[in-house]
Amino acid sequence: MGRFGRRRYLDLQKPKQTGPRLNERITAPRVRLIGPQGEQMGVVPLEDALAAAKEYKLDLAEVAPGADPPVCKILDWGKEKFREEKQRRLSRRKETSNKLRLIRFRPNIGDHDVQVKVRKLRELLEQGEKCRVAVLFRRREMRHQEQGVKVLDRVAEMISDIARIEGRVDRLVGREMGMVAIPLRQPDKSKKSAGAPSGRQRKGGRKAARTGSDGASAAAPNTDESSPSTETSSSTAN
């Protein structure tokens, strides 16, 4: 293996570091130190900063490595990492809740297709999903925008009991017009989880049913074998 190939191999073997450099991994000779309460402690040698962090029984984290000198803060890295992860989960949950599910219709859609799409739309709304209803036009269909308005009217009426309509646009924007359907009620997750049996309960129920049916079949008398013996005994008596 060549020199450059070996260097690349060794680089791949190094574990990737996530987050700031901590404690002895900091290499700058002098750092600008921030205390655990956010107080400025000035520019100090790295050894003094490490000693201060050790005195507080906390970590020294390099929070701004690009500064001159680098900025380090005394903190509890375990708690800080947990707080950042919690904030990341909340942000991800908020992004997911703000997403709109898209249901597309055509201006000349048939009755059966409307029923199918509205059924899917109602399922999403009952699950608490916000949905965008769009009517997509082809080039020739753009002359009949009133057909799209009729479709939106019909869909809005079919879901009026479970959703409210916002942001409706009855004119073409690009090649479509549409509206946003927002559920009136959020699903009660506690009732859903309490009412539905778990997989283990369903499996146990099936097993009990099989065991009961096997026991019943074993306990039942065998009428096919008993009837010939009865006939034989009666003929012997005669």
Protein backbone atom coordinates (compact mmCIF):
# COMPACT_ATOMS: atom_id res chain seq x y z
CA MET A 1 0.00 0.00 0.00
CA GLY A 2 1.40 3.39 -1.01
CA ARG A 3 1.98 6.31 1.31
CA PHE A 4 -1.14 8.19 0.22
CA GLY A 5 -3.25 5.03 0.20
CA ARG A 6 -2.18 4.21 3.75
CA ARG A 7 -2.96 7.76 4.91
CA ARG A 8 -6.42 7.55 3.37
CA TYR A 9 -6.95 4.15 5.01
CA LEU A 10 -5.95 5.52 8.42
CA ASP A 11 -8.25 8.53 7.97
CA LEU A 12 -11.17 6.20 7.24
CA GLN A 13 -10.39 4.20 10.38
CA LYS A 14 -10.65 7.28 12.64
CA PRO A 15 -14.04 7.63 14.29
CA LYS A 16 -15.88 10.73 13.14
CA GLN A 17 -16.17 13.31 15.89
CA THR A 18 -19.54 14.91 16.45
CA GLY A 19 -19.91 18.11 18.42
CA PRO A 20 -17.15 20.37 19.74
CA ARG A 21 -13.73 19.26 20.87
CA LEU A 22 -13.66 18.50 24.59
CA ASN A 23 -11.03 18.73 27.30
CA GLU A 24 -7.66 17.20 26.23
CA ARG A 25 -8.72 17.13 22.56
CA ILE A 26 -8.43 20.93 22.46
CA THR A 27 -5.08 21.89 20.91
CA ALA A 28 -4.95 25.71 21.08
CA PRO A 29 -2.30 26.97 23.55
CA ARG A 30 -4.51 29.86 24.75
CA VAL A 31 -8.30 30.15 24.81
CA ARG A 32 -10.94 32.71 25.65
CA LEU A 33 -12.73 31.14 28.59
CA ILE A 34 -16.44 31.39 29.48
CA GLY A 35 -17.55 30.18 32.89
CA PRO A 36 -20.44 27.78 33.62
CA GLN A 37 -22.82 30.69 34.28
CA GLY A 38 -21.83 32.50 31.07
CA GLU A 39 -19.38 34.85 32.77
CA GLN A 40 -16.32 36.04 30.82
CA MET A 41 -13.06 34.79 32.38
CA GLY A 42 -10.68 36.31 29.82
CA VAL A 43 -7.91 34.81 27.71
CA VAL A 44 -6.06 32.14 29.67
CA PRO A 45 -3.61 29.31 28.90
CA LEU A 46 -5.23 26.02 28.00
CA GLU A 47 -3.83 24.38 31.14
CA ASP A 48 -5.58 26.96 33.36
CA ALA A 49 -8.87 26.48 31.48
CA LEU A 50 -8.67 22.69 31.94
CA ALA A 51 -7.86 23.14 35.63
CA ALA A 52 -10.87 25.45 36.07
CA ALA A 53 -13.18 22.94 34.38
CA LYS A 54 -11.81 20.17 36.57
CA GLU A 55 -12.40 22.32 39.66
CA TYR A 56 -16.06 22.73 38.69
CA LYS A 57 -16.21 18.96 37.90
CA LEU A 58 -17.42 19.86 34.40
CA ASP A 59 -16.14 19.67 30.80
CA LEU A 60 -14.24 22.22 28.75
CA ALA A 61 -15.83 22.53 25.28
CA GLU A 62 -14.38 24.44 22.32
CA VAL A 63 -17.56 26.27 21.19
CA ALA A 64 -15.94 28.64 18.66
CA PRO A 65 -12.81 27.02 17.17
CA GLY A 66 -12.55 29.60 14.36
CA ALA A 67 -12.10 32.55 16.72
CA ASP A 68 -8.70 33.98 17.63
CA PRO A 69 -8.13 32.74 20.25
CA PRO A 70 -10.69 29.91 20.24
CA VAL A 71 -13.60 30.30 22.63
CA CYS A 72 -14.08 27.56 25.21
CA LYS A 73 -16.87 27.16 27.72
CA ILE A 74 -17.08 25.25 30.97
CA LEU A 75 -20.24 23.11 30.88
CA ASP A 76 -21.78 19.72 31.54
CA TRP A 77 -21.47 18.18 28.09
CA GLY A 78 -23.83 15.30 28.87
CA LYS A 79 -26.66 17.69 29.81
CA GLU A 80 -25.85 19.99 26.89
CA LYS A 81 -25.95 17.12 24.42
CA PHE A 82 -29.28 15.92 25.83
CA ARG A 83 -30.72 19.43 25.58
CA GLU A 84 -29.60 19.79 21.94
CA GLU A 85 -31.03 16.40 21.03
CA LYS A 86 -34.35 17.28 22.68
CA GLN A 87 -34.47 20.57 20.78
CA ARG A 88 -33.70 18.73 17.53
CA ARG A 89 -36.55 16.27 18.13
CA LEU A 90 -38.98 19.11 18.84
CA SER A 91 -37.93 20.91 15.65
CA ARG A 92 -38.34 17.71 13.64
CA ARG A 93 -41.79 17.12 15.13
CA LYS A 94 -42.83 20.67 14.31
CA GLU A 95 -41.65 20.29 10.71
CA THR A 96 -43.61 17.04 10.38
CA SER A 97 -46.79 18.62 11.78
CA ASN A 98 -46.49 21.52 9.33
CA LYS A 99 -46.28 19.26 6.28
CA LEU A 100 -49.34 19.08 4.05
CA ARG A 101 -50.53 15.87 2.43
CA LEU A 102 -51.43 16.48 -1.20
CA ILE A 103 -54.60 15.06 -2.81
CA ARG A 104 -54.96 15.88 -6.54
CA PHE A 105 -58.16 16.01 -8.57
CA ARG A 106 -58.84 16.69 -12.24
CA PRO A 107 -61.47 19.21 -13.42
CA ASN A 108 -63.36 16.52 -15.37
CA ILE A 109 -63.04 13.78 -12.74
CA GLY A 110 -65.79 11.16 -12.59
CA ASP A 111 -68.10 10.49 -9.63
CA HIS A 112 -66.43 7.20 -8.69
CA ASP A 113 -62.95 8.72 -8.65
CA VAL A 114 -64.21 11.61 -6.54
CA GLN A 115 -65.60 9.15 -4.00
CA VAL A 116 -62.30 7.22 -3.87
CA LYS A 117 -60.16 10.33 -3.42
CA VAL A 118 -62.49 11.89 -0.85
CA ARG A 119 -62.46 8.62 1.11
CA LYS A 120 -58.66 8.81 1.24
CA LEU A 121 -58.85 12.49 2.15
CA ARG A 122 -61.21 11.78 5.03
CA GLU A 123 -58.91 9.04 6.35
CA LEU A 124 -56.00 11.49 6.47
CA LEU A 125 -58.11 14.18 8.14
CA GLU A 126 -59.37 11.72 10.76
CA GLN A 127 -55.72 10.91 11.54
CA GLY A 128 -55.10 14.60 12.22
CA GLU A 129 -53.26 15.32 8.95
CA LYS A 130 -53.52 18.69 7.22
CA CYS A 131 -54.21 18.20 3.52
CA ARG A 132 -53.87 20.32 0.41
CA VAL A 133 -56.57 19.70 -2.17
CA ALA A 134 -55.45 20.68 -5.68
CA VAL A 135 -57.22 20.57 -9.02
CA LEU A 136 -54.63 20.05 -11.76
CA PHE A 137 -55.39 21.30 -15.29
CA ARG A 138 -54.00 20.18 -18.62
CA ARG A 139 -53.39 22.75 -21.33
CA ARG A 140 -56.79 22.42 -23.06
CA GLU A 141 -58.65 22.28 -19.76
CA MET A 142 -57.43 25.72 -18.68
CA ARG A 143 -60.27 27.34 -20.65
CA HIS A 144 -62.81 25.76 -18.28
CA GLN A 145 -61.69 26.94 -14.87
CA GLU A 146 -65.26 26.81 -13.61
CA GLN A 147 -65.01 23.00 -13.64
CA GLY A 148 -62.20 23.19 -11.10
CA VAL A 149 -64.24 25.53 -8.90
CA LYS A 150 -67.11 23.01 -8.97
CA VAL A 151 -64.76 20.22 -7.90
CA LEU A 152 -63.46 22.29 -4.98
CA ASP A 153 -67.03 23.13 -3.95
CA ARG A 154 -68.03 19.49 -4.03
CA VAL A 155 -65.00 18.27 -2.05
CA ALA A 156 -65.41 21.04 0.54
CA GLU A 157 -69.04 20.03 1.07
CA MET A 158 -68.14 16.32 1.42
CA ILE A 159 -65.61 16.98 4.20
CA SER A 160 -67.36 19.88 5.92
CA ASP A 161 -68.23 17.72 8.95
CA ILE A 162 -64.58 16.92 9.80
CA ALA A 163 -62.53 19.78 8.34
CA ARG A 164 -62.43 23.51 7.78
CA ILE A 165 -61.16 25.13 4.60
CA GLU A 166 -58.39 27.72 4.51
CA GLY A 167 -56.37 29.40 1.78
CA ARG A 168 -58.78 28.59 -1.02
CA VAL A 169 -57.75 29.91 -4.44
CA ASP A 170 -60.41 29.75 -7.17
CA ARG A 171 -58.11 30.92 -9.96
CA LEU A 172 -55.27 29.18 -11.71
CA VAL A 173 -51.82 29.49 -10.17
CA GLY A 174 -49.60 27.88 -12.76
CA ARG A 175 -51.68 24.88 -13.77
CA GLU A 176 -53.68 24.31 -10.62
CA MET A 177 -56.09 25.80 -8.10
CA GLY A 178 -56.71 24.50 -4.63
CA MET A 179 -57.39 24.84 -0.91
CA VAL A 180 -56.13 23.57 2.44
CA ALA A 181 -58.26 21.24 4.58
CA ILE A 182 -57.53 21.33 8.33
CA PRO A 183 -59.11 18.73 10.64
CA LEU A 184 -61.62 20.09 13.15
CA ARG A 185 -60.57 17.56 15.81
CA GLN A 186 -57.30 15.82 16.58
CA PRO A 187 -57.47 12.03 17.08
CA ASP A 188 -57.53 10.79 20.68
CA LYS A 189 -54.40 8.62 20.74
CA SER A 190 -55.00 7.38 24.29
CA LYS A 191 -58.39 5.89 23.39
CA LYS A 192 -56.99 4.35 20.25
CA SER A 193 -54.10 2.69 22.07
CA ALA A 194 -56.34 1.53 24.95
CA GLY A 195 -59.03 0.05 22.71
CA ALA A 196 -56.77 -1.80 20.29
CA PRO A 197 -55.36 -5.15 21.57
CA SER A 198 -51.62 -5.58 21.37
CA GLY A 199 -49.93 -8.12 19.12
CA ARG A 200 -49.14 -10.38 22.10
CA GLN A 201 -52.78 -10.29 23.25
CA ARG A 202 -54.03 -11.15 19.75
CA LYS A 203 -51.51 -14.00 19.51
CA GLY A 204 -52.53 -15.31 22.93
CA GLY A 205 -56.20 -15.16 21.97
CA ARG A 206 -55.60 -17.16 18.81
CA LYS A 207 -53.58 -19.73 20.74
CA ALA A 208 -56.31 -20.09 23.37
CA ALA A 209 -58.94 -20.51 20.66
CA ARG A 210 -56.89 -23.26 18.99
CA THR A 211 -56.34 -25.03 22.32
CA GLY A 212 -60.06 -24.85 23.13
CA SER A 213 -61.07 -26.27 19.77
CA ASP A 214 -58.54 -29.13 20.05
CA GLY A 215 -59.80 -29.98 23.56
CA ALA A 216 -63.41 -29.95 22.41
CA SER A 217 -62.66 -32.28 19.52
CA ALA A 218 -60.80 -34.68 21.83
CA ALA A 219 -63.63 -34.75 24.39
CA ALA A 220 -66.42 -35.35 21.81
CA PRO A 221 -67.49 -39.03 21.43
CA ASN A 222 -66.67 -40.81 18.20
CA THR A 223 -70.12 -41.62 16.84
CA ASP A 224 -68.75 -43.34 13.73
CA GLU A 225 -67.03 -46.10 15.80
CA SER A 226 -69.80 -46.55 18.37
CA SER A 227 -72.68 -47.08 15.92
CA PRO A 228 -71.33 -50.34 14.34
CA SER A 229 -70.74 -51.90 17.77
CA THR A 230 -74.35 -51.16 18.74
CA GLU A 231 -75.62 -52.86 15.61
CA THR A 232 -73.43 -55.92 16.26
CA SER A 233 -74.65 -56.33 19.83
CA SER A 234 -78.29 -56.05 18.77
CA SER A 235 -77.88 -58.68 16.05
CA THR A 236 -76.21 -61.08 18.51
CA ALA A 237 -79.09 -60.71 20.91
CA ASN A 238 -81.50 -61.65 18.17
